[in-house]
Every structure is written in structure tokens, then in C-alpha cells.
C-alpha atoms as a PDB file:
ATOM      1  CA  MET A   1     -57.693  15.163  82.766  1.00  0.00           C
ATOM      2  CA  SER A   2     -57.044  14.623  79.158  1.00  0.00           C
ATOM      3  CA  PRO A   3     -54.189  16.575  77.956  1.00  0.00           C
ATOM      4  CA  ILE A   4     -54.941  19.819  76.014  1.00  0.00           C
ATOM      5  CA  THR A   5     -54.530  19.168  72.296  1.00  0.00           C
ATOM      6  CA  VAL A   6     -52.590  21.708  70.264  1.00  0.00           C
ATOM      7  CA  GLY A   7     -52.325  22.522  66.545  1.00  0.00           C
ATOM      8  CA  LEU A   8     -49.188  24.570  65.533  1.00  0.00           C
ATOM      9  CA  VAL A   9     -48.993  26.929  62.784  1.00  0.00           C
ATOM     10  CA  GLY A  10     -45.328  27.552  61.514  1.00  0.00           C
ATOM     11  CA  THR A  11     -42.052  25.557  61.329  1.00  0.00           C
ATOM     12  CA  GLY A  12     -39.388  28.156  62.115  1.00  0.00           C
ATOM     13  CA  TYR A  13     -37.490  28.986  65.302  1.00  0.00           C
ATOM     14  CA  ALA A  14     -40.345  30.019  67.403  1.00  0.00           C
ATOM     15  CA  ALA A  15     -42.419  27.110  66.370  1.00  0.00           C
ATOM     16  CA  LYS A  16     -39.650  24.790  67.368  1.00  0.00           C
ATOM     17  CA  ALA A  17     -39.385  26.276  70.627  1.00  0.00           C
ATOM     18  CA  ARG A  18     -43.042  25.851  71.163  1.00  0.00           C
ATOM     19  CA  ALA A  19     -43.073  22.288  70.002  1.00  0.00           C
ATOM     20  CA  ASP A  20     -40.129  21.481  72.403  1.00  0.00           C
ATOM     21  CA  ALA A  21     -41.978  23.011  75.453  1.00  0.00           C
ATOM     22  CA  LEU A  22     -45.356  21.023  74.581  1.00  0.00           C
ATOM     23  CA  LYS A  23     -43.404  17.884  74.187  1.00  0.00           C
ATOM     24  CA  THR A  24     -42.062  18.091  77.616  1.00  0.00           C
ATOM     25  CA  ASP A  25     -45.401  19.134  79.458  1.00  0.00           C
ATOM     26  CA  PRO A  26     -47.671  16.308  80.237  1.00  0.00           C
ATOM     27  CA  ARG A  27     -50.591  18.552  80.275  1.00  0.00           C
ATOM     28  CA  SER A  28     -50.576  19.169  76.427  1.00  0.00           C
ATOM     29  CA  ARG A  29     -50.283  17.017  73.287  1.00  0.00           C
ATOM     30  CA  LEU A  30     -49.121  18.506  69.937  1.00  0.00           C
ATOM     31  CA  ILE A  31     -51.070  16.742  67.380  1.00  0.00           C
ATOM     32  CA  ALA A  32     -51.004  18.606  64.022  1.00  0.00           C
ATOM     33  CA  ILE A  33     -48.480  20.972  62.251  1.00  0.00           C
ATOM     34  CA  ALA A  34     -49.195  23.301  59.339  1.00  0.00           C
ATOM     35  CA  GLY A  35     -46.327  25.168  57.730  1.00  0.00           C
ATOM     36  CA  HIS A  36     -45.499  27.163  54.622  1.00  0.00           C
ATOM     37  CA  ASN A  37     -46.135  23.851  52.530  1.00  0.00           C
ATOM     38  CA  LEU A  38     -46.895  20.353  53.075  1.00  0.00           C
ATOM     39  CA  SER A  39     -43.163  19.176  52.954  1.00  0.00           C
ATOM     40  CA  SER A  40     -42.007  21.593  55.658  1.00  0.00           C
ATOM     41  CA  ALA A  41     -44.860  20.604  57.841  1.00  0.00           C
ATOM     42  CA  GLN A  42     -43.861  16.796  57.336  1.00  0.00           C
ATOM     43  CA  ALA A  43     -40.210  17.398  58.049  1.00  0.00           C
ATOM     44  CA  PHE A  44     -41.132  19.183  61.064  1.00  0.00           C
ATOM     45  CA  GLY A  45     -43.825  17.048  62.319  1.00  0.00           C
ATOM     46  CA  SER A  46     -41.800  13.846  62.144  1.00  0.00           C
ATOM     47  CA  SER A  47     -39.650  15.107  65.192  1.00  0.00           C
ATOM     48  CA  TYR A  48     -42.811  15.450  67.303  1.00  0.00           C
ATOM     49  CA  ASP A  49     -45.169  12.755  66.310  1.00  0.00           C
ATOM     50  CA  ALA A  50     -47.499  15.362  64.934  1.00  0.00           C
ATOM     51  CA  GLU A  51     -49.640  15.060  61.728  1.00  0.00           C
ATOM     52  CA  ALA A  52     -48.556  17.348  58.973  1.00  0.00           C
ATOM     53  CA  LEU A  53     -51.577  19.259  57.356  1.00  0.00           C
ATOM     54  CA  PRO A  54     -51.521  20.925  54.027  1.00  0.00           C
ATOM     55  CA  ALA A  55     -52.637  24.358  55.073  1.00  0.00           C
ATOM     56  CA  TRP A  56     -53.514  26.170  58.255  1.00  0.00           C
ATOM     57  CA  GLN A  57     -57.208  26.257  57.231  1.00  0.00           C
ATOM     58  CA  ASP A  58     -57.250  22.528  57.725  1.00  0.00           C
ATOM     59  CA  LEU A  59     -55.707  22.714  61.164  1.00  0.00           C
ATOM     60  CA  VAL A  60     -58.182  25.371  62.593  1.00  0.00           C
ATOM     61  CA  GLU A  61     -61.187  23.078  61.237  1.00  0.00           C
ATOM     62  CA  ARG A  62     -60.020  20.195  63.168  1.00  0.00           C
ATOM     63  CA  SER A  63     -62.468  19.320  65.913  1.00  0.00           C
ATOM     64  CA  ASP A  64     -59.994  17.396  67.940  1.00  0.00           C
ATOM     65  CA  ILE A  65     -57.817  20.384  68.587  1.00  0.00           C
ATOM     66  CA  ASP A  66     -58.372  22.671  71.637  1.00  0.00           C
ATOM     67  CA  LEU A  67     -55.387  25.307  71.204  1.00  0.00           C
ATOM     68  CA  VAL A  68     -54.010  26.863  68.079  1.00  0.00           C
ATOM     69  CA  ILE A  69     -50.651  28.452  68.388  1.00  0.00           C
ATOM     70  CA  ILE A  70     -49.585  30.781  65.587  1.00  0.00           C
ATOM     71  CA  ALA A  71     -46.113  31.234  65.013  1.00  0.00           C
ATOM     72  CA  THR A  72     -45.698  32.019  61.301  1.00  0.00           C
ATOM     73  CA  VAL A  73     -45.067  35.319  59.277  1.00  0.00           C
ATOM     74  CA  ASN A  74     -46.644  38.361  60.738  1.00  0.00           C
ATOM     75  CA  ARG A  75     -48.873  39.092  57.695  1.00  0.00           C
ATOM     76  CA  ASP A  76     -51.048  36.041  58.499  1.00  0.00           C
ATOM     77  CA  HIS A  77     -51.305  36.392  62.237  1.00  0.00           C
ATOM     78  CA  GLY A  78     -54.563  38.250  62.214  1.00  0.00           C
ATOM     79  CA  THR A  79     -56.281  36.142  59.648  1.00  0.00           C
ATOM     80  CA  ILE A  80     -55.461  32.806  61.159  1.00  0.00           C
ATOM     81  CA  ALA A  81     -56.344  34.101  64.805  1.00  0.00           C
ATOM     82  CA  ARG A  82     -59.826  35.190  63.550  1.00  0.00           C
ATOM     83  CA  ALA A  83     -60.515  31.876  61.889  1.00  0.00           C
ATOM     84  CA  ALA A  84     -59.342  29.984  64.995  1.00  0.00           C
ATOM     85  CA  LEU A  85     -61.267  31.986  67.274  1.00  0.00           C
ATOM     86  CA  GLU A  86     -64.366  31.664  65.065  1.00  0.00           C
ATOM     87  CA  ALA A  87     -63.766  27.840  65.170  1.00  0.00           C
ATOM     88  CA  GLY A  88     -64.015  27.923  68.917  1.00  0.00           C
ATOM     89  CA  LYS A  89     -60.365  27.510  69.583  1.00  0.00           C
ATOM     90  CA  GLN A  90     -58.134  28.872  72.236  1.00  0.00           C
ATOM     91  CA  VAL A  91     -55.447  30.990  70.743  1.00  0.00           C
ATOM     92  CA  VAL A  92     -51.714  31.903  71.378  1.00  0.00           C
ATOM     93  CA  VAL A  93     -50.112  34.022  68.825  1.00  0.00           C
ATOM     94  CA  GLU A  94     -46.595  35.381  68.499  1.00  0.00           C
ATOM     95  CA  TYR A  95     -46.484  39.179  68.420  1.00  0.00           C
ATOM     96  CA  PRO A  96     -47.771  41.331  66.808  1.00  0.00           C
ATOM     97  CA  LEU A  97     -51.325  39.931  66.758  1.00  0.00           C
ATOM     98  CA  ALA A  98     -51.955  41.865  63.395  1.00  0.00           C
ATOM     99  CA  LEU A  99     -50.256  44.235  61.294  1.00  0.00           C
ATOM    100  CA  ASP A 100     -53.236  46.579  61.524  1.00  0.00           C
ATOM    101  CA  ALA A 101     -54.233  47.978  64.970  1.00  0.00           C
ATOM    102  CA  SER A 102     -57.782  48.174  64.267  1.00  0.00           C
ATOM    103  CA  GLU A 103     -57.925  44.527  63.094  1.00  0.00           C
ATOM    104  CA  ALA A 104     -55.949  43.385  66.460  1.00  0.00           C
ATOM    105  CA  GLU A 105     -58.608  45.411  68.420  1.00  0.00           C
ATOM    106  CA  ALA A 106     -61.453  43.695  66.731  1.00  0.00           C
ATOM    107  CA  LEU A 107     -59.822  40.286  67.384  1.00  0.00           C
ATOM    108  CA  ILE A 108     -59.642  41.065  71.105  1.00  0.00           C
ATOM    109  CA  GLN A 109     -63.238  42.102  71.084  1.00  0.00           C
ATOM    110  CA  LEU A 110     -64.138  38.831  69.317  1.00  0.00           C
ATOM    111  CA  ALA A 111     -62.213  36.671  71.912  1.00  0.00           C
ATOM    112  CA  ALA A 112     -63.869  38.488  74.808  1.00  0.00           C
ATOM    113  CA  THR A 113     -67.415  37.972  73.266  1.00  0.00           C
ATOM    114  CA  LYS A 114     -66.693  34.397  72.736  1.00  0.00           C
ATOM    115  CA  ASN A 115     -65.036  33.990  76.253  1.00  0.00           C
ATOM    116  CA  GLN A 116     -61.893  32.426  74.688  1.00  0.00           C
ATOM    117  CA  LEU A 117     -58.288  32.936  75.179  1.00  0.00           C
ATOM    118  CA  LEU A 118     -56.319  35.246  72.957  1.00  0.00           C
ATOM    119  CA  HIS A 119     -52.860  35.403  74.314  1.00  0.00           C
ATOM    120  CA  ILE A 120     -50.167  37.630  72.508  1.00  0.00           C
ATOM    121  CA  GLU A 121     -46.809  36.211  73.505  1.00  0.00           C
ATOM    122  CA  HIS A 122     -44.196  38.521  74.818  1.00  0.00           C
ATOM    123  CA  ILE A 123     -41.533  36.424  76.294  1.00  0.00           C
ATOM    124  CA  GLU A 124     -39.067  39.400  76.819  1.00  0.00           C
ATOM    125  CA  LEU A 125     -41.338  40.499  79.646  1.00  0.00           C
ATOM    126  CA  LEU A 126     -40.384  37.286  81.289  1.00  0.00           C
ATOM    127  CA  SER A 127     -36.570  37.679  80.828  1.00  0.00           C
ATOM    128  CA  GLY A 128     -34.052  38.276  83.682  1.00  0.00           C
ATOM    129  CA  ILE A 129     -33.210  41.460  81.902  1.00  0.00           C
ATOM    130  CA  HIS A 130     -36.682  42.881  81.829  1.00  0.00           C
ATOM    131  CA  LEU A 131     -37.164  41.975  85.571  1.00  0.00           C
ATOM    132  CA  ALA A 132     -33.686  43.395  86.562  1.00  0.00           C
ATOM    133  CA  ILE A 133     -34.689  46.737  84.752  1.00  0.00           C
ATOM    134  CA  ARG A 134     -38.094  46.845  86.573  1.00  0.00           C
ATOM    135  CA  GLU A 135     -36.515  46.353  89.885  1.00  0.00           C
ATOM    136  CA  ALA A 136     -33.653  48.983  89.324  1.00  0.00           C
ATOM    137  CA  VAL A 137     -35.737  51.670  87.844  1.00  0.00           C
ATOM    138  CA  GLY A 138     -37.763  51.956  91.265  1.00  0.00           C
ATOM    139  CA  ALA A 139     -34.319  53.270  92.659  1.00  0.00           C
ATOM    140  CA  ILE A 140     -33.718  56.249  90.411  1.00  0.00           C
ATOM    141  CA  ALA A 141     -36.870  58.290  91.186  1.00  0.00           C
ATOM    142  CA  THR A 142     -38.792  59.717  88.354  1.00  0.00           C
ATOM    143  CA  PRO A 143     -37.539  58.520  84.912  1.00  0.00           C
ATOM    144  CA  PHE A 144     -37.429  61.650  82.364  1.00  0.00           C
ATOM    145  CA  TYR A 145     -35.467  60.298  79.531  1.00  0.00           C
ATOM    146  CA  LEU A 146     -34.374  57.075  77.825  1.00  0.00           C
ATOM    147  CA  ARG A 147     -32.690  55.952  74.807  1.00  0.00           C
ATOM    148  CA  TYR A 148     -33.464  52.247  73.438  1.00  0.00           C
ATOM    149  CA  ALA A 149     -31.352  51.151  70.556  1.00  0.00           C
ATOM    150  CA  SER A 150     -31.864  47.745  68.696  1.00  0.00           C
ATOM    151  CA  LEU A 151     -29.405  47.820  65.678  1.00  0.00           C
ATOM    152  CA  ALA A 152     -28.293  44.772  63.827  1.00  0.00           C
ATOM    153  CA  SER A 153     -25.504  44.545  61.277  1.00  0.00           C
ATOM    154  CA  GLN A 154     -26.230  41.929  58.808  1.00  0.00           C
ATOM    155  CA  ARG A 155     -23.956  41.666  55.816  1.00  0.00           C
ATOM    156  CA  PRO A 156     -25.242  40.500  53.248  1.00  0.00           C
ATOM    157  CA  ALA A 157     -28.942  41.176  54.233  1.00  0.00           C
ATOM    158  CA  PRO A 158     -30.714  37.842  54.476  1.00  0.00           C
ATOM    159  CA  GLN A 159     -33.248  36.984  51.797  1.00  0.00           C
ATOM    160  CA  LYS A 160     -35.824  36.548  54.386  1.00  0.00           C
ATOM    161  CA  TRP A 161     -39.506  37.457  55.218  1.00  0.00           C
ATOM    162  CA  THR A 162     -38.361  39.683  58.051  1.00  0.00           C
ATOM    163  CA  TYR A 163     -36.970  42.065  55.455  1.00  0.00           C
ATOM    164  CA  SER A 164     -40.401  41.961  53.562  1.00  0.00           C
ATOM    165  CA  PRO A 165     -42.663  45.038  54.239  1.00  0.00           C
ATOM    166  CA  GLU A 166     -45.576  43.015  53.222  1.00  0.00           C
ATOM    167  CA  LEU A 167     -44.720  39.886  55.446  1.00  0.00           C
ATOM    168  CA  PHE A 168     -42.888  41.584  58.292  1.00  0.00           C
ATOM    169  CA  GLY A 169     -44.895  44.898  58.284  1.00  0.00           C
ATOM    170  CA  PHE A 170     -43.587  48.319  59.212  1.00  0.00           C
ATOM    171  CA  PRO A 171     -40.214  47.536  61.229  1.00  0.00           C
ATOM    172  CA  LEU A 172     -41.584  49.022  64.680  1.00  0.00           C
ATOM    173  CA  VAL A 173     -44.961  47.067  64.068  1.00  0.00           C
ATOM    174  CA  GLY A 174     -43.070  43.694  63.357  1.00  0.00           C
ATOM    175  CA  ALA A 175     -40.767  44.379  66.122  1.00  0.00           C
ATOM    176  CA  VAL A 176     -43.350  45.771  68.543  1.00  0.00           C
ATOM    177  CA  SER A 177     -41.870  44.072  71.421  1.00  0.00           C
ATOM    178  CA  ARG A 178     -39.355  47.062  71.677  1.00  0.00           C
ATOM    179  CA  ILE A 179     -42.210  49.282  72.257  1.00  0.00           C
ATOM    180  CA  HIS A 180     -44.063  46.974  74.640  1.00  0.00           C
ATOM    181  CA  ARG A 181     -41.099  46.520  76.857  1.00  0.00           C
ATOM    182  CA  LEU A 182     -41.296  50.411  77.464  1.00  0.00           C
ATOM    183  CA  THR A 183     -45.005  50.541  77.859  1.00  0.00           C
ATOM    184  CA  ASP A 184     -44.935  47.715  80.452  1.00  0.00           C
ATOM    185  CA  LEU A 185     -42.259  49.611  82.544  1.00  0.00           C
ATOM    186  CA  PHE A 186     -43.447  52.987  82.026  1.00  0.00           C
ATOM    187  CA  GLY A 187     -47.299  53.214  81.079  1.00  0.00           C
ATOM    188  CA  TRP A 188     -49.150  54.985  78.294  1.00  0.00           C
ATOM    189  CA  VAL A 189     -47.830  56.975  75.338  1.00  0.00           C
ATOM    190  CA  SER A 190     -49.623  60.101  74.354  1.00  0.00           C
ATOM    191  CA  ARG A 191     -47.678  61.354  71.284  1.00  0.00           C
ATOM    192  CA  VAL A 192     -45.505  59.698  68.661  1.00  0.00           C
ATOM    193  CA  THR A 193     -42.924  61.007  66.166  1.00  0.00           C
ATOM    194  CA  CYS A 194     -41.189  58.752  63.797  1.00  0.00           C
ATOM    195  CA  GLN A 195     -38.945  58.720  60.614  1.00  0.00           C
ATOM    196  CA  ALA A 196     -38.130  55.669  58.627  1.00  0.00           C
ATOM    197  CA  ARG A 197     -35.615  54.881  55.881  1.00  0.00           C
ATOM    198  CA  PHE A 198     -35.140  51.788  53.622  1.00  0.00           C
ATOM    199  CA  TRP A 199     -32.451  50.642  51.285  1.00  0.00           C
ATOM    200  CA  CYS A 200     -33.215  48.183  48.414  1.00  0.00           C
ATOM    201  CA  ASP A 201     -31.061  46.387  45.789  1.00  0.00           C
ATOM    202  CA  SER A 202     -33.160  47.394  42.882  1.00  0.00           C
ATOM    203  CA  GLY A 203     -31.349  50.796  42.441  1.00  0.00           C
ATOM    204  CA  HIS A 204     -33.978  52.812  44.280  1.00  0.00           C
ATOM    205  CA  GLY A 205     -31.589  53.755  46.967  1.00  0.00           C
ATOM    206  CA  ASN A 206     -32.466  55.408  50.174  1.00  0.00           C
ATOM    207  CA  LEU A 207     -36.482  55.393  50.423  1.00  0.00           C
ATOM    208  CA  ASP A 208     -38.853  56.521  52.990  1.00  0.00           C
ATOM    209  CA  ASN A 209     -41.912  54.357  53.875  1.00  0.00           C
ATOM    210  CA  SER A 210     -44.315  55.842  51.514  1.00  0.00           C
ATOM    211  CA  GLN A 211     -41.844  55.102  48.441  1.00  0.00           C
ATOM    212  CA  LEU A 212     -41.231  51.358  49.522  1.00  0.00           C
ATOM    213  CA  SER A 213     -42.861  48.889  47.496  1.00  0.00           C
ATOM    214  CA  SER A 214     -44.723  46.194  49.931  1.00  0.00           C
ATOM    215  CA  SER A 215     -43.545  43.409  47.641  1.00  0.00           C
ATOM    216  CA  GLU A 216     -39.831  44.154  47.528  1.00  0.00           C
ATOM    217  CA  LEU A 217     -37.417  42.841  49.926  1.00  0.00           C
ATOM    218  CA  TYR A 218     -35.116  45.723  51.326  1.00  0.00           C
ATOM    219  CA  THR A 219     -31.593  45.181  52.363  1.00  0.00           C
ATOM    220  CA  SER A 220     -31.686  47.640  55.320  1.00  0.00           C
ATOM    221  CA  CYS A 221     -34.005  49.793  57.322  1.00  0.00           C
ATOM    222  CA  LEU A 222     -33.768  52.358  60.004  1.00  0.00           C
ATOM    223  CA  CYS A 223     -36.580  53.841  62.134  1.00  0.00           C
ATOM    224  CA  THR A 224     -36.202  56.486  64.869  1.00  0.00           C
ATOM    225  CA  ALA A 225     -39.238  57.313  66.888  1.00  0.00           C
ATOM    226  CA  GLN A 226     -39.704  59.608  69.692  1.00  0.00           C
ATOM    227  CA  LEU A 227     -42.362  58.725  72.441  1.00  0.00           C
ATOM    228  CA  GLN A 228     -43.884  61.069  74.775  1.00  0.00           C
ATOM    229  CA  PHE A 229     -45.510  59.167  77.830  1.00  0.00           C
ATOM    230  CA  LYS A 230     -48.309  60.501  79.777  1.00  0.00           C
ATOM    231  CA  SER A 231     -45.834  60.640  82.801  1.00  0.00           C
ATOM    232  CA  GLY A 232     -43.779  63.217  80.934  1.00  0.00           C
ATOM    233  CA  LEU A 233     -41.099  60.594  80.046  1.00  0.00           C
ATOM    234  CA  ILE A 234     -39.343  61.055  76.666  1.00  0.00           C
ATOM    235  CA  ALA A 235     -38.018  57.894  75.002  1.00  0.00           C
ATOM    236  CA  ASP A 236     -35.918  57.818  71.916  1.00  0.00           C
ATOM    237  CA  VAL A 237     -36.393  54.461  70.177  1.00  0.00           C
ATOM    238  CA  ILE A 238     -33.980  53.319  67.434  1.00  0.00           C
ATOM    239  CA  TYR A 239     -34.474  50.183  65.410  1.00  0.00           C
ATOM    240  CA  GLY A 240     -32.435  49.076  62.278  1.00  0.00           C
ATOM    241  CA  LYS A 241     -31.062  46.130  60.542  1.00  0.00           C
ATOM    242  CA  GLY A 242     -29.255  45.124  57.526  1.00  0.00           C
ATOM    243  CA  GLU A 243     -26.246  46.029  55.313  1.00  0.00           C
ATOM    244  CA  ALA A 244     -26.407  49.969  55.939  1.00  0.00           C
ATOM    245  CA  ILE A 245     -25.890  49.244  59.720  1.00  0.00           C
ATOM    246  CA  TRP A 246     -22.211  49.079  60.334  1.00  0.00           C
ATOM    247  CA  GLN A 247     -22.101  48.355  64.153  1.00  0.00           C
ATOM    248  CA  ASN A 248     -24.469  46.352  66.435  1.00  0.00           C
ATOM    249  CA  ASP A 249     -26.137  48.173  69.242  1.00  0.00           C
ATOM    250  CA  ARG A 250     -28.383  46.614  71.900  1.00  0.00           C
ATOM    251  CA  SER A 251     -28.730  49.241  74.621  1.00  0.00           C
ATOM    252  CA  LEU A 252     -31.210  50.730  76.823  1.00  0.00           C
ATOM    253  CA  HIS A 253     -30.303  53.725  78.991  1.00  0.00           C
ATOM    254  CA  ILE A 254     -32.949  55.268  81.334  1.00  0.00           C
ATOM    255  CA  GLN A 255     -32.203  58.630  83.095  1.00  0.00           C
ATOM    256  CA  GLY A 256     -33.912  59.482  86.237  1.00  0.00           C
ATOM    257  CA  GLU A 257     -33.824  62.154  88.757  1.00  0.00           C
ATOM    258  CA  LYS A 258     -31.748  60.326  91.333  1.00  0.00           C
ATOM    259  CA  GLY A 259     -29.802  58.013  89.158  1.00  0.00           C
ATOM    260  CA  ALA A 260     -29.635  55.897  85.879  1.00  0.00           C
ATOM    261  CA  VAL A 261     -30.242  52.378  84.592  1.00  0.00           C
ATOM    262  CA  LEU A 262     -27.734  51.436  81.809  1.00  0.00           C
ATOM    263  CA  VAL A 263     -27.959  48.242  79.971  1.00  0.00           C
ATOM    264  CA  ASP A 264     -25.782  47.227  77.255  1.00  0.00           C
ATOM    265  CA  GLY A 265     -26.304  43.859  75.645  1.00  0.00           C
ATOM    266  CA  GLN A 266     -26.213  41.148  78.592  1.00  0.00           C
ATOM    267  CA  GLN A 267     -24.572  43.658  81.060  1.00  0.00           C
ATOM    268  CA  GLY A 268     -26.531  46.183  83.195  1.00  0.00           C
ATOM    269  CA  LYS A 269     -25.749  48.631  86.107  1.00  0.00           C
ATOM    270  CA  LEU A 270     -27.640  50.941  88.483  1.00  0.00           C
ATOM    271  CA  VAL A 271     -25.855  54.302  88.698  1.00  0.00           C
ATOM    272  CA  LEU A 272     -26.543  56.219  91.948  1.00  0.00           C
ATOM    273  CA  ALA A 273     -25.047  59.305  93.523  1.00  0.00           C
ATOM    274  CA  ASP A 274     -23.016  57.224  95.946  1.00  0.00           C
ATOM    275  CA  GLU A 275     -22.617  53.960  94.205  1.00  0.00           C
ATOM    276  CA  THR A 276     -22.610  51.807  90.917  1.00  0.00           C
ATOM    277  CA  ARG A 277     -24.171  48.460  91.220  1.00  0.00           C
ATOM    278  CA  GLU A 278     -23.916  45.809  88.723  1.00  0.00           C
ATOM    279  CA  LEU A 279     -27.379  44.192  87.956  1.00  0.00           C
ATOM    280  CA  ASP A 280     -28.110  40.396  87.890  1.00  0.00           C
ATOM    281  CA  MET A 281     -29.339  40.230  84.302  1.00  0.00           C
ATOM    282  CA  GLY A 282     -30.511  36.499  84.804  1.00  0.00           C
ATOM    283  CA  SER A 283     -30.910  34.250  81.607  1.00  0.00           C
ATOM    284  CA  ARG A 284     -32.844  34.214  78.436  1.00  0.00           C
ATOM    285  CA  ARG A 285     -33.065  30.405  78.395  1.00  0.00           C
ATOM    286  CA  GLY A 286     -36.378  28.568  78.515  1.00  0.00           C
ATOM    287  CA  LEU A 287     -38.559  31.740  77.860  1.00  0.00           C
ATOM    288  CA  PHE A 288     -40.852  29.867  75.473  1.00  0.00           C
ATOM    289  CA  ALA A 289     -41.239  27.151  77.934  1.00  0.00           C
ATOM    290  CA  GLN A 290     -42.268  29.376  80.589  1.00  0.00           C
ATOM    291  CA  ASP A 291     -44.796  31.261  78.410  1.00  0.00           C
ATOM    292  CA  THR A 292     -46.222  27.808  77.276  1.00  0.00           C
ATOM    293  CA  GLY A 293     -46.359  26.681  80.807  1.00  0.00           C
ATOM    294  CA  LYS A 294     -48.293  29.900  81.960  1.00  0.00           C
ATOM    295  CA  VAL A 295     -50.829  29.446  78.988  1.00  0.00           C
ATOM    296  CA  LEU A 296     -51.390  25.827  80.185  1.00  0.00           C
ATOM    297  CA  ASP A 297     -51.804  27.141  83.796  1.00  0.00           C
ATOM    298  CA  TYR A 298     -54.387  29.719  82.700  1.00  0.00           C
ATOM    299  CA  LEU A 299     -56.386  27.117  80.741  1.00  0.00           C
ATOM    300  CA  ILE A 300     -56.353  24.427  83.381  1.00  0.00           C
ATOM    301  CA  THR A 301     -56.545  26.409  86.558  1.00  0.00           C
ATOM    302  CA  GLY A 302     -57.468  29.872  85.622  1.00  0.00           C
ATOM    303  CA  THR A 303     -53.993  31.375  86.797  1.00  0.00           C
ATOM    304  CA  PRO A 304     -53.750  34.924  85.405  1.00  0.00           C
ATOM    305  CA  LEU A 305     -51.236  35.302  82.638  1.00  0.00           C
ATOM    306  CA  TYR A 306     -48.159  37.681  82.844  1.00  0.00           C
ATOM    307  CA  VAL A 307     -49.437  40.051  80.118  1.00  0.00           C
ATOM    308  CA  THR A 308     -52.926  41.372  78.998  1.00  0.00           C
ATOM    309  CA  ALA A 309     -54.292  41.634  75.472  1.00  0.00           C
ATOM    310  CA  GLN A 310     -55.206  45.296  76.138  1.00  0.00           C
ATOM    311  CA  SER A 311     -51.465  46.062  76.993  1.00  0.00           C
ATOM    312  CA  SER A 312     -50.406  44.358  73.897  1.00  0.00           C
ATOM    313  CA  LEU A 313     -52.961  46.411  71.983  1.00  0.00           C
ATOM    314  CA  HIS A 314     -51.614  49.688  73.236  1.00  0.00           C
ATOM    315  CA  ALA A 315     -48.170  48.780  72.360  1.00  0.00           C
ATOM    316  CA  LEU A 316     -49.400  48.013  68.778  1.00  0.00           C
ATOM    317  CA  LYS A 317     -51.144  51.263  68.522  1.00  0.00           C
ATOM    318  CA  VAL A 318     -48.057  53.200  69.553  1.00  0.00           C
ATOM    319  CA  ALA A 319     -46.158  51.207  66.751  1.00  0.00           C
ATOM    320  CA  ASP A 320     -48.910  52.027  64.178  1.00  0.00           C
ATOM    321  CA  ALA A 321     -48.625  55.593  65.331  1.00  0.00           C
ATOM    322  CA  ALA A 322     -45.036  55.402  64.394  1.00  0.00           C
ATOM    323  CA  ARG A 323     -45.806  54.158  60.946  1.00  0.00           C
ATOM    324  CA  ARG A 324     -48.515  56.724  60.323  1.00  0.00           C
ATOM    325  CA  SER A 325     -46.112  59.541  61.629  1.00  0.00           C
ATOM    326  CA  ALA A 326     -43.232  58.315  59.265  1.00  0.00           C
ATOM    327  CA  GLU A 327     -45.617  58.166  56.297  1.00  0.00           C
ATOM    328  CA  LEU A 328     -47.444  61.684  57.087  1.00  0.00           C
ATOM    329  CA  GLY A 329     -44.370  63.452  58.257  1.00  0.00           C
ATOM    330  CA  ARG A 330     -45.858  64.725  61.498  1.00  0.00           C
ATOM    331  CA  SER A 331     -46.529  63.788  65.105  1.00  0.00           C
ATOM    332  CA  ILE A 332     -49.359  61.492  65.935  1.00  0.00           C
ATOM    333  CA  GLU A 333     -51.391  62.207  69.008  1.00  0.00           C
ATOM    334  CA  LEU A 334     -52.892  58.991  70.792  1.00  0.00           C
ATOM    335  CA  GLU A 335     -56.284  59.420  72.210  1.00  0.00           C
ATOM    336  CA  GLU A 336     -56.783  59.064  76.052  1.00  0.00           C
ATOM    337  CA  GLY A 337     -56.780  55.491  77.056  1.00  0.00           C
ATOM    338  CA  ALA A 338     -55.755  54.346  73.414  1.00  0.00           C
END
């Protein structure tokens, strides 16, 4: 069988990891790259023997491309995915599928109507950390509370698109993987309450979400969201980055009726009444290659993927509810099955 031909949109870290994975899998062939500009695409493509194109529009229109992989700024994910689907391509997109949940839902419906792949990558669900947490949670009976913190001190704050409301989106939308990890473990969320603060260099000081200019880079952000799951579990999710964050914190503490799962960085333990057990957290290496391999398995043999578009959509709806809660100053109820 001829290799699946691939066009890649993006030239950053995730795009490089994708290109490396494609290069080592004989079932695929990367033939075209589109980046922020032609020069960046040319520099990137030269390492992979792939043609550099002036714009992503040129890439999705190519008749010799079977699969489009989208690994560029969050703002453009939905627009490129729609164009690729309408051009008859199979599509892989790094999360989030779109910055707007209704747009994401429409794209999933479009892919289903056209019987085409729309895979929203979430490599963290393949990680040893996630698999260890999933296994350990079964030992603590009913989980009733968790605290999930993702705080990154960056001084000075980088002048990057990840600090742009327009390009990255609302922080918990752009970093929807934090919420998706929890919904993958614990199911559906019924209520969301969120607060968000931002700091800018322009002298505006401490701003809430409604005061932040979409075109201005911020130097710090902090979001705190409380999720109420349909199971009764309460989750406090904390996400922040930048100069106002003084200490890194990557932790997930889950309290259950018969024990706790405590993860700090790359270390984890299961605490029970009669023992404390260290968790084997595995490795984060090779996750993009795993995801790429699973996509090719699906396209060639029909092997089911490890994540569904509907589960990704629910996580995005929860993140969008956090955005609306921060803007409106009240809790947001999610409809049954949303």
C-alpha cells in the first residue's frame, strides 16, 4: 500500500515532534509544510525533504495530500480544520480543536457527515503519569475532592503567542488538557465556577477577563476554577503562568473515601489506611510518536483511537464555561449530556 501523504501546518515544537514521528514510520510520508511565513517553512521543510508552501490554504488544497496535521497557534485551529475537512482531507489537530465550543461542535458534525477523521490530539492521556493515576484511583473508593495545580513561574514572561488572548485563547481553553485529564478520569461536569486575573506591562495592572485587550500580550495570568462533577466530586483547578507566579507547582491530589492519590511533578504515591505505595509514573518520551502511530493504525486498519471527539468536546465545553463564569461573575450550569 502506498504511504499516507501528509501536510503539516506549523513549525514549532509540536510540529517537529510530528515530523520526526512521520519520518520514522514507513506508512506515512510528509510531503508539504506551511508555517507562519515561507522562510520558516523552508527552514523546517529542508530537514524532512518536504516542500515549503507560502500558506496553509495552499496546503489544504493540494490533491496529493491525504492527511492534514494542524500544529499552529490555537486561534487558527478551527479555520484550518474546516477548510481541510471541506477539501476532503483526514485531519489531526493539536488541542484545542477551536477556541469557540460551538465552532468545535460544528466541526465534529461536519467530519461525521463527511465520514472523515477529525482527531483532537491529547498525548497526556497516553502518558505513564495518567495511566498510573487511572490505576491508582480504583484503590481509593469514591473520590470526593481533588486539587489540580499547574503553575509556571516565567521571569521575564516570554513575548510569545501563548501569552496572547487572541492567539492562545482564555487560559483554561488554550490549556484544555488540564480539564480533559480530569473528565477522562471522572466523567461529566455539571457546574463550573471560575475567576481569572491578568497582569500586563502597559500599566493596566491587575485585570479580570472582561478588561483584557485581546490584542495585548499579558505578563502573567491566574485562573482558578471549581468543577462539580455529576458523580458529586468537587475539583479545584488552578492554572497560572508568568512573572506574578513565584513558585512552580505541578500537582494533582485526589482524596477518596478509602485513600488518596498524590502526584507532585514526576513523583506519585498511593496512600491507603495500611500502606503508602510509590507509583510507577513511566515516561513522557515518545508520546507524539505514539499518537501518530495510532492515527495511522486507525486510517489503515480501522483500529479505534484512544480518545473520541465527543470527549474532547465536553472538556472544551467545560473550559468555555469557565471562561463565561469568569466574565459573568457567576456559576455556569452545563446541560445534561453537554
